[in-house]
N, C-alpha and C. Protein backbone atom coordinates (compact mmCIF):
# COMPACT_ATOMS: atom_id res chain seq x y z
N MET A 1 8.58 27.75 4.39
CA MET A 1 9.66 28.27 3.27
C MET A 1 10.62 27.22 3.22
N VAL A 2 11.10 26.78 1.94
CA VAL A 2 12.16 25.66 1.61
C VAL A 2 13.54 26.35 1.79
N PRO A 3 14.55 25.89 2.63
CA PRO A 3 15.69 26.43 3.09
C PRO A 3 16.35 26.71 1.56
N VAL A 4 17.24 27.63 1.59
CA VAL A 4 18.08 27.93 0.45
C VAL A 4 18.97 26.77 0.02
N ALA A 5 19.30 26.26 0.65
CA ALA A 5 20.45 25.12 0.52
C ALA A 5 19.81 24.02 -0.37
N ILE A 6 18.20 23.70 -0.53
CA ILE A 6 17.55 23.02 -1.34
C ILE A 6 17.41 23.61 -2.60
N GLY A 7 17.93 22.75 -3.79
CA GLY A 7 17.51 23.43 -5.00
C GLY A 7 16.83 22.63 -5.93
N ASP A 8 16.45 21.33 -5.47
CA ASP A 8 15.74 20.33 -6.23
C ASP A 8 15.16 19.30 -5.45
N LEU A 9 14.08 18.67 -6.01
CA LEU A 9 13.26 17.72 -5.16
C LEU A 9 14.00 16.78 -4.62
N ALA A 10 15.23 16.23 -5.20
CA ALA A 10 16.05 15.14 -4.77
C ALA A 10 16.61 15.85 -3.47
N GLY A 11 17.05 17.09 -3.46
CA GLY A 11 17.70 17.62 -2.11
C GLY A 11 16.58 18.07 -1.33
N LEU A 12 15.49 17.86 -1.68
CA LEU A 12 14.38 18.12 -0.63
C LEU A 12 14.11 16.85 -0.01
N VAL A 13 13.98 16.02 -0.71
CA VAL A 13 14.00 14.32 0.08
C VAL A 13 14.94 14.24 0.81
N ALA A 14 16.20 14.48 0.50
CA ALA A 14 17.36 14.53 1.40
C ALA A 14 17.38 15.04 2.78
N ALA A 15 16.84 16.46 2.40
CA ALA A 15 16.77 17.35 3.60
C ALA A 15 15.84 16.76 4.47
N LEU A 16 15.16 15.83 4.05
CA LEU A 16 13.59 15.28 5.08
C LEU A 16 14.46 14.25 5.69
N GLU A 17 15.31 13.59 5.48
CA GLU A 17 15.95 12.54 6.17
C GLU A 17 16.20 13.12 7.74
N PRO A 18 16.10 12.26 8.74
CA PRO A 18 16.59 12.85 10.00
C PRO A 18 17.89 13.45 10.12
N SER A 19 18.71 12.93 9.18
CA SER A 19 20.43 13.53 9.23
C SER A 19 20.40 14.62 7.99
N GLY A 20 19.26 15.06 7.56
CA GLY A 20 19.44 16.05 6.49
C GLY A 20 19.65 17.35 6.79
N GLY A 21 19.96 17.78 8.06
CA GLY A 21 20.21 19.25 8.43
C GLY A 21 19.20 19.97 9.02
N LEU A 22 17.75 19.59 8.87
CA LEU A 22 16.78 20.46 9.42
C LEU A 22 16.13 19.82 10.58
N ASP A 23 15.67 20.46 11.49
CA ASP A 23 15.08 20.38 12.82
C ASP A 23 13.48 19.83 12.74
N GLN A 24 13.27 18.96 13.33
CA GLN A 24 11.93 18.26 13.58
C GLN A 24 10.92 19.23 13.02
N LEU A 25 10.89 20.64 13.66
CA LEU A 25 9.55 21.47 13.24
C LEU A 25 9.88 22.03 11.94
N GLU A 26 11.00 22.10 11.11
CA GLU A 26 11.19 22.39 9.74
C GLU A 26 10.78 21.25 9.02
N ARG A 27 11.19 20.01 9.20
CA ARG A 27 10.99 18.90 8.62
C ARG A 27 9.47 18.79 8.35
N ALA A 28 8.54 19.03 9.51
CA ALA A 28 7.35 18.92 9.77
C ALA A 28 6.23 19.94 8.95
N ARG A 29 7.20 21.07 8.83
CA ARG A 29 6.50 22.10 7.95
C ARG A 29 6.65 21.79 6.52
N LEU A 30 7.63 21.29 6.00
CA LEU A 30 7.85 20.84 4.62
C LEU A 30 7.08 19.70 4.30
N VAL A 31 6.91 18.57 5.11
CA VAL A 31 5.87 17.66 4.98
C VAL A 31 4.49 18.26 4.87
N ALA A 32 4.21 19.17 5.76
CA ALA A 32 2.95 19.71 5.37
C ALA A 32 2.60 20.60 4.13
N ALA A 33 3.82 21.31 3.67
CA ALA A 33 3.84 22.22 2.59
C ALA A 33 3.53 21.32 1.23
N LEU A 34 4.27 19.99 1.38
CA LEU A 34 4.15 18.85 0.14
C LEU A 34 3.03 18.49 0.11
N LEU A 35 2.31 18.14 1.17
CA LEU A 35 0.69 17.62 1.17
C LEU A 35 -0.01 18.57 0.56
N ALA A 36 0.10 19.88 0.95
CA ALA A 36 -0.97 20.72 0.56
C ALA A 36 -0.80 20.81 -0.99
N ARG A 37 0.22 20.74 -1.59
CA ARG A 37 0.40 20.82 -2.97
C ARG A 37 0.71 19.07 -3.71
N ALA A 38 0.15 18.34 -3.19
CA ALA A 38 0.45 17.07 -3.63
C ALA A 38 -0.44 16.58 -4.65
N GLU A 39 -1.24 17.74 -5.42
CA GLU A 39 -1.90 17.28 -6.53
C GLU A 39 -0.93 16.84 -7.61
N ASP A 40 0.23 17.30 -7.62
CA ASP A 40 1.35 17.17 -8.62
C ASP A 40 2.21 15.78 -7.87
N PRO A 41 1.90 14.80 -9.04
CA PRO A 41 2.22 13.34 -8.80
C PRO A 41 3.99 13.50 -8.42
N LEU A 42 4.83 14.33 -8.72
CA LEU A 42 6.10 14.33 -8.40
C LEU A 42 6.08 14.48 -6.90
N LEU A 43 5.47 15.58 -6.32
CA LEU A 43 5.21 15.84 -4.94
C LEU A 43 4.87 14.56 -4.09
N ARG A 44 4.00 13.78 -4.88
CA ARG A 44 3.34 12.76 -3.85
C ARG A 44 4.16 11.79 -3.70
N ARG A 45 5.17 11.61 -4.88
CA ARG A 45 6.36 10.55 -4.68
C ARG A 45 7.55 11.21 -3.84
N CYS A 46 7.49 12.12 -3.51
CA CYS A 46 8.50 12.85 -2.78
C CYS A 46 8.18 12.41 -1.37
N LEU A 47 6.52 12.75 -0.99
CA LEU A 47 6.05 12.36 0.43
C LEU A 47 6.36 10.80 0.50
N LEU A 48 5.73 10.03 -0.45
CA LEU A 48 5.62 8.49 -0.42
C LEU A 48 7.60 8.30 0.00
N GLN A 49 8.25 8.81 -0.74
CA GLN A 49 9.63 8.46 -0.01
C GLN A 49 10.03 8.77 1.12
N THR A 50 9.66 10.01 1.29
CA THR A 50 9.96 10.72 2.74
C THR A 50 9.32 9.75 3.92
N LEU A 51 8.11 9.06 3.66
CA LEU A 51 7.32 8.54 4.48
C LEU A 51 7.75 6.94 4.75
N LEU A 52 8.53 6.63 3.75
CA LEU A 52 8.81 5.21 3.77
C LEU A 52 9.26 4.48 4.84
N PRO A 53 10.25 5.14 5.73
CA PRO A 53 10.51 4.52 7.09
C PRO A 53 9.30 4.67 7.95
N GLY A 54 8.44 5.58 8.03
CA GLY A 54 7.39 5.53 8.87
C GLY A 54 6.41 4.32 8.69
N ILE A 55 6.37 4.15 7.17
CA ILE A 55 5.36 3.15 6.63
C ILE A 55 5.83 1.63 7.20
N VAL A 56 7.29 1.47 7.09
CA VAL A 56 7.78 0.31 7.61
C VAL A 56 7.63 0.15 9.07
N SER A 57 7.80 1.16 9.64
CA SER A 57 7.46 1.43 11.22
C SER A 57 6.15 0.97 11.51
N VAL A 58 5.12 1.48 10.76
CA VAL A 58 3.63 0.80 10.94
C VAL A 58 3.60 -0.66 10.97
N ALA A 59 3.84 -1.09 9.66
CA ALA A 59 3.86 -2.34 9.25
C ALA A 59 4.67 -3.22 10.37
N ARG A 60 5.65 -2.62 11.05
CA ARG A 60 6.28 -3.45 12.21
C ARG A 60 5.55 -3.50 13.35
N THR A 61 4.77 -2.27 13.63
CA THR A 61 3.93 -2.20 14.79
C THR A 61 2.88 -3.28 14.81
N LEU A 62 2.37 -3.52 13.53
CA LEU A 62 1.21 -4.69 13.28
C LEU A 62 1.87 -5.99 13.17
N GLN A 63 3.20 -6.02 13.36
CA GLN A 63 3.73 -7.33 13.13
C GLN A 63 3.67 -7.92 11.88
N PHE A 64 3.63 -6.97 10.87
CA PHE A 64 3.59 -7.23 9.56
C PHE A 64 2.47 -8.47 9.17
N GLY A 65 1.23 -8.02 9.94
CA GLY A 65 0.14 -8.86 9.59
C GLY A 65 0.32 -10.51 10.02
N ASP A 66 1.19 -10.55 10.93
CA ASP A 66 1.40 -12.10 11.50
C ASP A 66 0.03 -12.60 11.56
N GLY A 67 -0.05 -13.66 11.04
CA GLY A 67 -1.21 -14.81 11.46
C GLY A 67 -2.26 -14.39 10.05
N ILE A 68 -2.20 -13.30 9.38
CA ILE A 68 -3.22 -13.18 8.45
C ILE A 68 -2.60 -13.01 7.03
N ALA A 69 -1.41 -12.12 6.76
CA ALA A 69 -0.87 -11.81 5.84
C ALA A 69 0.01 -13.06 5.17
N ASP A 70 0.01 -13.45 4.06
CA ASP A 70 1.02 -14.53 3.46
C ASP A 70 2.10 -14.64 4.09
N ASP A 71 3.00 -13.40 4.05
CA ASP A 71 4.24 -13.10 4.48
C ASP A 71 4.64 -11.81 4.80
N PRO A 72 5.57 -11.48 5.23
CA PRO A 72 5.70 -9.61 5.70
C PRO A 72 5.88 -9.02 4.38
N ARG A 73 6.49 -9.70 3.37
CA ARG A 73 6.74 -8.60 2.37
C ARG A 73 5.37 -8.36 1.45
N THR A 74 4.37 -9.33 1.62
CA THR A 74 2.87 -9.02 1.20
C THR A 74 2.31 -8.11 1.74
N PHE A 75 2.51 -8.05 3.27
CA PHE A 75 1.92 -7.13 4.23
C PHE A 75 2.48 -5.60 3.72
N LEU A 76 3.85 -5.69 3.49
CA LEU A 76 4.29 -4.25 3.31
C LEU A 76 3.95 -3.89 2.02
N ALA A 77 3.66 -4.63 1.11
CA ALA A 77 3.43 -4.13 -0.35
C ALA A 77 1.95 -3.72 -0.24
N ASP A 78 0.94 -4.34 0.55
CA ASP A 78 -0.48 -4.00 0.91
C ASP A 78 -0.15 -2.61 1.62
N ALA A 79 0.57 -2.21 2.64
CA ALA A 79 0.98 -1.06 3.07
C ALA A 79 1.12 -0.10 2.28
N LEU A 80 1.97 -0.40 1.47
CA LEU A 80 2.39 0.65 0.21
C LEU A 80 1.27 1.42 -0.68
N VAL A 81 0.63 0.21 -0.71
CA VAL A 81 -0.76 0.30 -1.75
C VAL A 81 -1.46 1.42 -0.88
N GLU A 82 -1.81 1.02 0.22
CA GLU A 82 -2.82 1.96 1.13
C GLU A 82 -2.26 3.30 1.34
N ALA A 83 -0.79 3.35 1.52
CA ALA A 83 -0.43 4.85 1.54
C ALA A 83 -0.46 5.57 0.37
N ILE A 84 -0.26 4.91 -0.82
CA ILE A 84 -0.51 5.63 -1.97
C ILE A 84 -1.92 6.29 -2.10
N GLU A 85 -2.77 5.23 -1.71
CA GLU A 85 -4.26 5.60 -1.60
C GLU A 85 -4.52 6.74 -1.02
N LEU A 86 -3.95 6.80 0.44
CA LEU A 86 -4.28 7.94 1.21
C LEU A 86 -3.67 9.33 0.58
N LEU A 87 -2.08 9.46 0.02
CA LEU A 87 -1.74 10.28 -0.41
C LEU A 87 -2.54 10.93 -1.52
N HIS A 88 -3.23 9.80 -2.34
CA HIS A 88 -4.09 10.61 -3.33
C HIS A 88 -5.17 11.19 -2.84
N ALA A 89 -5.57 10.81 -2.00
CA ALA A 89 -7.10 11.18 -1.32
C ALA A 89 -6.87 12.35 -0.50
N TRP A 90 -5.73 12.51 0.15
CA TRP A 90 -5.52 13.68 0.99
C TRP A 90 -4.56 14.86 0.01
N ALA A 91 -4.24 14.70 -0.89
CA ALA A 91 -3.55 15.55 -1.79
C ALA A 91 -4.46 17.18 -1.67
N GLY A 92 -3.48 18.20 -1.26
CA GLY A 92 -4.28 19.50 -1.46
C GLY A 92 -4.93 19.93 0.08
N GLN A 93 -4.77 18.89 0.90
CA GLN A 93 -5.25 19.27 2.11
C GLN A 93 -4.21 19.75 3.17
N VAL A 94 -4.82 20.83 4.03
CA VAL A 94 -3.63 21.66 4.79
C VAL A 94 -3.71 20.70 6.35
N ARG A 95 -2.78 20.38 6.49
CA ARG A 95 -2.62 19.44 7.95
C ARG A 95 -1.42 19.82 8.53
N PRO A 96 -1.15 20.49 9.50
CA PRO A 96 0.07 20.95 10.06
C PRO A 96 0.98 19.61 10.67
N TYR A 97 0.03 18.54 10.98
CA TYR A 97 0.91 17.37 11.30
C TYR A 97 0.60 16.45 10.46
N ALA A 98 0.96 16.57 9.23
CA ALA A 98 0.79 15.63 7.95
C ALA A 98 1.11 14.44 8.05
N ALA A 99 2.69 14.30 8.59
CA ALA A 99 3.11 13.05 8.47
C ALA A 99 2.62 11.92 9.68
N PRO A 100 2.49 12.56 11.04
CA PRO A 100 1.92 11.69 11.91
C PRO A 100 0.15 11.40 11.42
N ASP A 101 -0.34 12.28 10.87
CA ASP A 101 -1.87 12.10 10.45
C ASP A 101 -1.86 10.97 9.61
N LEU A 102 -0.86 11.20 8.33
CA LEU A 102 -1.07 10.10 7.31
C LEU A 102 -0.71 8.62 8.05
N LEU A 103 0.36 8.81 8.70
CA LEU A 103 0.75 7.40 9.42
C LEU A 103 -0.11 6.84 10.45
N GLY A 104 -0.99 7.57 11.05
CA GLY A 104 -1.96 7.21 11.84
C GLY A 104 -3.22 6.66 11.21
N ALA A 105 -3.40 7.54 9.90
CA ALA A 105 -4.54 7.03 9.10
C ALA A 105 -4.26 5.52 8.73
N LEU A 106 -2.85 5.40 8.32
CA LEU A 106 -2.39 4.07 7.58
C LEU A 106 -2.55 3.11 8.35
N ARG A 107 -2.32 3.33 9.65
CA ARG A 107 -2.18 2.41 10.93
C ARG A 107 -3.63 1.66 11.09
N CYS A 108 -4.66 2.74 11.13
CA CYS A 108 -5.95 2.49 11.14
C CYS A 108 -6.76 1.51 10.07
N ARG A 109 -6.19 1.96 8.86
CA ARG A 109 -6.96 1.37 7.83
C ARG A 109 -6.34 0.00 7.74
N LEU A 110 -5.00 -0.32 7.99
CA LEU A 110 -4.43 -1.66 7.88
C LEU A 110 -4.92 -2.41 9.03
N ARG A 111 -5.17 -1.85 10.27
CA ARG A 111 -5.59 -2.51 11.51
C ARG A 111 -7.34 -2.95 11.08
N ARG A 112 -8.06 -2.19 10.50
CA ARG A 112 -9.21 -2.25 9.82
C ARG A 112 -9.34 -3.56 9.08
N ARG A 113 -8.54 -3.78 8.23
CA ARG A 113 -8.22 -4.79 7.12
C ARG A 113 -8.09 -5.99 8.18
N MET A 114 -7.02 -5.78 8.86
CA MET A 114 -6.56 -7.25 9.63
C MET A 114 -7.90 -7.62 10.42
N LEU A 115 -8.63 -6.79 11.06
CA LEU A 115 -9.84 -7.01 11.89
C LEU A 115 -10.83 -7.75 10.89
N ALA A 116 -10.72 -7.32 9.63
CA ALA A 116 -11.88 -7.92 8.79
C ALA A 116 -11.52 -9.28 8.41
N ASP A 117 -10.33 -9.43 8.14
CA ASP A 117 -9.93 -10.56 7.67
C ASP A 117 -9.51 -11.67 8.83
N LYS A 118 -9.79 -11.06 10.16
CA LYS A 118 -9.99 -12.33 11.28
C LYS A 118 -10.97 -12.57 11.20
N ALA A 119 -12.12 -11.60 11.11
CA ALA A 119 -13.61 -11.90 11.45
C ALA A 119 -14.13 -12.69 10.28
N ARG A 120 -13.58 -12.63 9.05
CA ARG A 120 -13.94 -13.60 7.70
C ARG A 120 -13.34 -14.83 7.95
N ARG A 121 -12.39 -15.14 8.51
CA ARG A 121 -11.62 -16.58 8.76
C ARG A 121 -12.56 -17.17 10.02
N ALA A 122 -12.87 -16.30 10.83
CA ALA A 122 -13.67 -16.71 12.07
C ALA A 122 -14.98 -17.41 11.65
N GLU A 123 -15.55 -16.76 10.66
CA GLU A 123 -16.93 -16.86 10.25
C GLU A 123 -16.69 -18.27 9.23
N LEU A 124 -15.39 -18.77 8.73
CA LEU A 124 -15.16 -19.81 7.84
C LEU A 124 -15.14 -20.95 8.77
N ILE A 125 -14.55 -20.65 9.80
CA ILE A 125 -14.37 -21.79 10.69
C ILE A 125 -15.60 -22.10 11.33
N ALA A 126 -16.59 -21.07 11.75
CA ALA A 126 -17.66 -21.19 12.79
C ALA A 126 -18.74 -21.81 11.74
N VAL A 127 -18.79 -21.63 10.67
CA VAL A 127 -20.15 -22.08 9.59
C VAL A 127 -19.41 -23.46 8.94
N PRO A 128 -20.08 -24.70 9.25
CA PRO A 128 -19.83 -25.79 8.78
C PRO A 128 -20.11 -25.71 7.37
N GLU A 129 -19.15 -26.05 6.40
CA GLU A 129 -19.54 -26.30 5.05
C GLU A 129 -18.93 -27.44 4.29
N ARG A 130 -19.20 -27.98 3.18
CA ARG A 130 -18.57 -29.06 2.74
C ARG A 130 -17.20 -28.72 2.57
N PRO A 131 -15.93 -29.65 2.74
CA PRO A 131 -14.86 -29.29 2.70
C PRO A 131 -14.40 -28.77 1.28
N ASP A 132 -15.14 -29.15 0.10
CA ASP A 132 -14.66 -28.72 -1.02
C ASP A 132 -15.17 -27.59 -1.50
N THR A 133 -16.13 -26.94 -0.74
CA THR A 133 -16.66 -25.56 -1.15
C THR A 133 -15.96 -24.64 -1.20
N ALA A 134 -14.93 -24.13 -0.23
CA ALA A 134 -14.12 -23.15 -0.54
C ALA A 134 -12.99 -23.41 -1.57
N ALA A 135 -12.42 -24.47 -1.91
CA ALA A 135 -11.63 -24.80 -2.77
C ALA A 135 -12.16 -24.73 -4.23
N ALA A 136 -13.46 -25.20 -4.27
CA ALA A 136 -14.30 -25.09 -5.50
C ALA A 136 -14.47 -23.66 -5.98
N GLY A 137 -14.40 -22.68 -4.90
CA GLY A 137 -14.61 -21.02 -5.07
C GLY A 137 -13.33 -20.74 -5.53
N VAL A 138 -12.17 -20.98 -5.18
CA VAL A 138 -10.86 -20.79 -5.38
C VAL A 138 -10.57 -21.31 -6.82
N ALA A 139 -10.84 -22.50 -6.96
CA ALA A 139 -10.38 -23.23 -8.53
C ALA A 139 -11.19 -22.63 -9.50
N SER A 140 -12.51 -21.86 -9.38
CA SER A 140 -13.49 -21.18 -10.17
C SER A 140 -12.83 -19.95 -10.67
N PHE A 141 -12.30 -19.07 -9.50
CA PHE A 141 -11.78 -17.78 -9.74
C PHE A 141 -10.24 -18.21 -10.37
N VAL A 142 -9.60 -19.09 -10.12
CA VAL A 142 -8.34 -19.28 -10.74
C VAL A 142 -8.50 -19.58 -12.34
N ARG A 143 -9.47 -20.16 -12.57
CA ARG A 143 -9.90 -20.65 -13.86
C ARG A 143 -10.40 -19.32 -14.84
N GLU A 144 -11.11 -18.62 -14.17
CA GLU A 144 -11.56 -17.41 -14.89
C GLU A 144 -10.39 -16.42 -14.93
N LEU A 145 -9.44 -16.26 -13.86
CA LEU A 145 -8.44 -15.18 -14.05
C LEU A 145 -7.23 -15.92 -15.06
N ALA A 146 -7.15 -17.26 -15.02
CA ALA A 146 -6.23 -17.95 -16.18
C ALA A 146 -6.79 -17.78 -17.20
N THR A 147 -8.11 -17.60 -17.68
CA THR A 147 -8.70 -17.57 -19.13
C THR A 147 -8.36 -15.97 -19.30
N ALA A 148 -8.49 -14.88 -18.61
CA ALA A 148 -8.62 -13.73 -18.89
C ALA A 148 -6.90 -13.42 -19.07
N ALA A 149 -6.11 -14.16 -18.44
CA ALA A 149 -4.49 -14.22 -18.68
C ALA A 149 -4.31 -14.14 -19.95
N SER A 150 -4.93 -14.81 -20.79
CA SER A 150 -4.55 -14.51 -22.34
C SER A 150 -5.00 -13.26 -22.95
N GLN A 151 -5.78 -12.57 -22.44
CA GLN A 151 -6.22 -11.27 -22.90
C GLN A 151 -5.23 -10.13 -22.03
N GLY A 152 -4.47 -10.85 -21.16
CA GLY A 152 -3.69 -9.59 -20.30
C GLY A 152 -4.20 -9.05 -18.96
N VAL A 153 -4.06 -9.69 -17.98
CA VAL A 153 -4.56 -9.61 -16.60
C VAL A 153 -3.98 -8.18 -16.34
N THR A 154 -4.57 -7.08 -15.91
CA THR A 154 -3.83 -6.05 -15.32
C THR A 154 -3.62 -5.98 -13.94
N ASP A 155 -2.84 -4.99 -13.65
CA ASP A 155 -2.24 -4.90 -12.21
C ASP A 155 -3.40 -4.53 -11.30
N VAL A 156 -4.25 -3.65 -11.86
CA VAL A 156 -5.57 -3.16 -11.14
C VAL A 156 -6.30 -4.54 -10.81
N ASP A 157 -6.59 -5.53 -11.63
CA ASP A 157 -7.11 -6.77 -11.57
C ASP A 157 -6.56 -7.51 -10.39
N LEU A 158 -5.15 -7.52 -10.38
CA LEU A 158 -4.49 -8.54 -9.14
C LEU A 158 -4.79 -7.55 -7.88
N VAL A 159 -4.43 -6.21 -7.82
CA VAL A 159 -4.85 -5.59 -6.46
C VAL A 159 -6.23 -5.90 -6.06
N TYR A 160 -7.17 -5.82 -7.00
CA TYR A 160 -8.67 -5.86 -6.73
C TYR A 160 -8.74 -7.38 -6.01
N ALA A 161 -8.18 -8.53 -6.90
CA ALA A 161 -8.30 -9.98 -6.26
C ALA A 161 -7.72 -9.89 -5.23
N ARG A 162 -6.21 -9.53 -4.75
CA ARG A 162 -5.62 -9.46 -3.49
C ARG A 162 -6.25 -8.81 -2.48
N CYS A 163 -6.64 -7.53 -2.80
CA CYS A 163 -7.12 -6.52 -1.57
C CYS A 163 -8.51 -6.70 -1.19
N VAL A 164 -9.26 -6.95 -2.43
CA VAL A 164 -10.88 -6.88 -2.08
C VAL A 164 -11.35 -8.26 -2.05
N LEU A 165 -11.07 -9.09 -3.02
CA LEU A 165 -11.62 -10.48 -2.80
C LEU A 165 -10.79 -11.51 -2.03
N GLY A 166 -9.66 -10.98 -1.54
CA GLY A 166 -8.81 -11.57 -0.55
C GLY A 166 -8.32 -12.90 -0.83
N PHE A 167 -7.94 -13.14 -2.12
CA PHE A 167 -7.17 -14.55 -2.63
C PHE A 167 -5.67 -13.96 -2.11
N SER A 168 -5.02 -15.28 -1.70
CA SER A 168 -3.54 -15.20 -1.41
C SER A 168 -2.68 -15.09 -2.84
N ALA A 169 -1.59 -14.51 -2.26
CA ALA A 169 -0.77 -14.06 -3.30
C ALA A 169 -0.23 -15.61 -3.94
N THR A 170 -0.06 -16.46 -3.24
CA THR A 170 0.02 -18.01 -3.91
C THR A 170 -1.00 -18.42 -4.92
N GLU A 171 -2.45 -18.29 -4.53
CA GLU A 171 -3.54 -18.31 -5.60
C GLU A 171 -3.26 -17.53 -6.59
N LEU A 172 -3.25 -16.27 -6.55
CA LEU A 172 -3.07 -15.72 -7.86
C LEU A 172 -1.82 -15.87 -8.46
N ALA A 173 -0.72 -16.21 -7.94
CA ALA A 173 0.47 -16.32 -8.87
C ALA A 173 0.19 -17.67 -9.46
N THR A 174 -0.67 -18.67 -9.25
CA THR A 174 -0.88 -19.98 -9.72
C THR A 174 -1.76 -19.73 -10.98
N ALA A 175 -2.67 -18.54 -10.53
CA ALA A 175 -3.73 -18.41 -11.70
C ALA A 175 -3.05 -17.80 -12.76
N THR A 176 -2.19 -16.90 -12.40
CA THR A 176 -1.38 -16.30 -13.58
C THR A 176 -0.36 -16.78 -14.16
N GLY A 177 0.29 -17.91 -13.47
CA GLY A 177 1.12 -18.66 -13.92
C GLY A 177 2.81 -18.01 -13.67
N THR A 178 2.62 -17.47 -12.60
CA THR A 178 3.85 -16.87 -12.18
C THR A 178 4.14 -16.97 -10.80
N THR A 179 5.53 -16.60 -10.37
CA THR A 179 5.94 -16.76 -9.02
C THR A 179 5.16 -15.71 -7.83
N THR A 180 5.16 -15.95 -6.82
CA THR A 180 4.59 -14.95 -5.60
C THR A 180 5.62 -13.78 -5.71
N GLY A 181 6.84 -13.85 -5.99
CA GLY A 181 7.62 -12.81 -6.05
C GLY A 181 7.21 -11.89 -7.21
N ALA A 182 7.32 -12.21 -8.16
CA ALA A 182 6.68 -11.61 -9.56
C ALA A 182 5.55 -11.13 -9.13
N LEU A 183 4.56 -11.73 -8.62
CA LEU A 183 3.33 -11.18 -8.00
C LEU A 183 3.20 -10.19 -7.19
N ARG A 184 4.10 -10.06 -6.34
CA ARG A 184 4.09 -8.91 -5.14
C ARG A 184 4.79 -7.69 -6.02
N ARG A 185 5.69 -7.87 -6.78
CA ARG A 185 6.47 -6.89 -7.84
C ARG A 185 5.07 -6.00 -8.32
N ARG A 186 4.27 -6.94 -9.15
CA ARG A 186 3.20 -6.28 -9.92
C ARG A 186 2.31 -5.54 -8.87
N LEU A 187 1.83 -6.06 -7.68
CA LEU A 187 1.15 -5.38 -6.87
C LEU A 187 1.57 -4.19 -6.49
N VAL A 188 2.79 -3.99 -6.04
CA VAL A 188 3.79 -2.65 -5.76
C VAL A 188 3.59 -1.66 -7.07
N ALA A 189 3.68 -2.37 -8.31
CA ALA A 189 3.55 -1.48 -9.71
C ALA A 189 2.40 -0.98 -9.82
N ALA A 190 1.14 -1.86 -9.46
CA ALA A 190 -0.13 -1.05 -9.82
C ALA A 190 -0.17 0.06 -8.90
N ALA A 191 0.59 0.57 -7.78
CA ALA A 191 0.50 1.73 -7.10
C ALA A 191 1.15 2.92 -8.05
N ARG A 192 1.86 2.59 -8.93
CA ARG A 192 2.65 3.72 -9.63
C ARG A 192 1.52 4.56 -10.21
N PRO A 193 0.56 4.28 -10.87
CA PRO A 193 -0.23 5.06 -11.47
C PRO A 193 -0.72 6.32 -10.58
N PHE A 194 -0.86 5.54 -9.32
CA PHE A 194 -1.53 7.14 -8.51
C PHE A 194 -0.39 7.93 -8.19
N VAL A 195 0.84 7.59 -8.80
CA VAL A 195 1.95 8.55 -8.23
C VAL A 195 2.00 9.30 -9.71
N ASP A 196 2.30 8.46 -10.71
CA ASP A 196 2.62 8.82 -12.02
C ASP A 196 1.59 9.76 -12.70
N ALA A 197 0.40 9.20 -12.78
CA ALA A 197 -0.46 9.77 -13.50
C ALA A 197 -0.86 11.48 -13.37
N PRO A 198 -0.68 12.22 -14.31
CA PRO A 198 -0.81 13.39 -14.02
C PRO A 198 -2.47 14.13 -13.34
N SER A 199 -2.25 14.94 -12.53
CA SER A 199 -3.46 15.45 -11.78
C SER A 199 -4.44 15.69 -12.80
């Protein structure tokens, strides 16, 4: 049950802060209630904001993808996209331990991706190939993406290229004629439809 002092969603998010005046059990119950009703995009946004410190903590535990991610900011952007996908997939579920469950699932997802990236890199090192083969593949993709850019590359295209095809932020920035910082902002923006779209 929402405490009487909380009058709107902004107050709810503030109350869920460690210094918000609620004890740990009350905060856990509120997060579970939010998840159970998270078909509403505004409630998913509240959950994401509430879980943000935990998401950063998960990224820190995984050393921000050290040795795999282009840089810590890219890894954190990927973590945010994964968290939003989890919130969308779990919306409506009843989970008494919603916050630790979500953060645990996020940690597992990110770890699996890191292991897959390590395995893929190990294969590339182990299998001899002509030195220009990988570069030719990247160049081909960059040409295709640059051609598509005249028709407008969507944020979803960029997320797919970054998260599924495994192209680096630098390669995608080059292909779209932008900076890596702008590209990271677009990757984070790609998560917004999951939060903003009506259920």
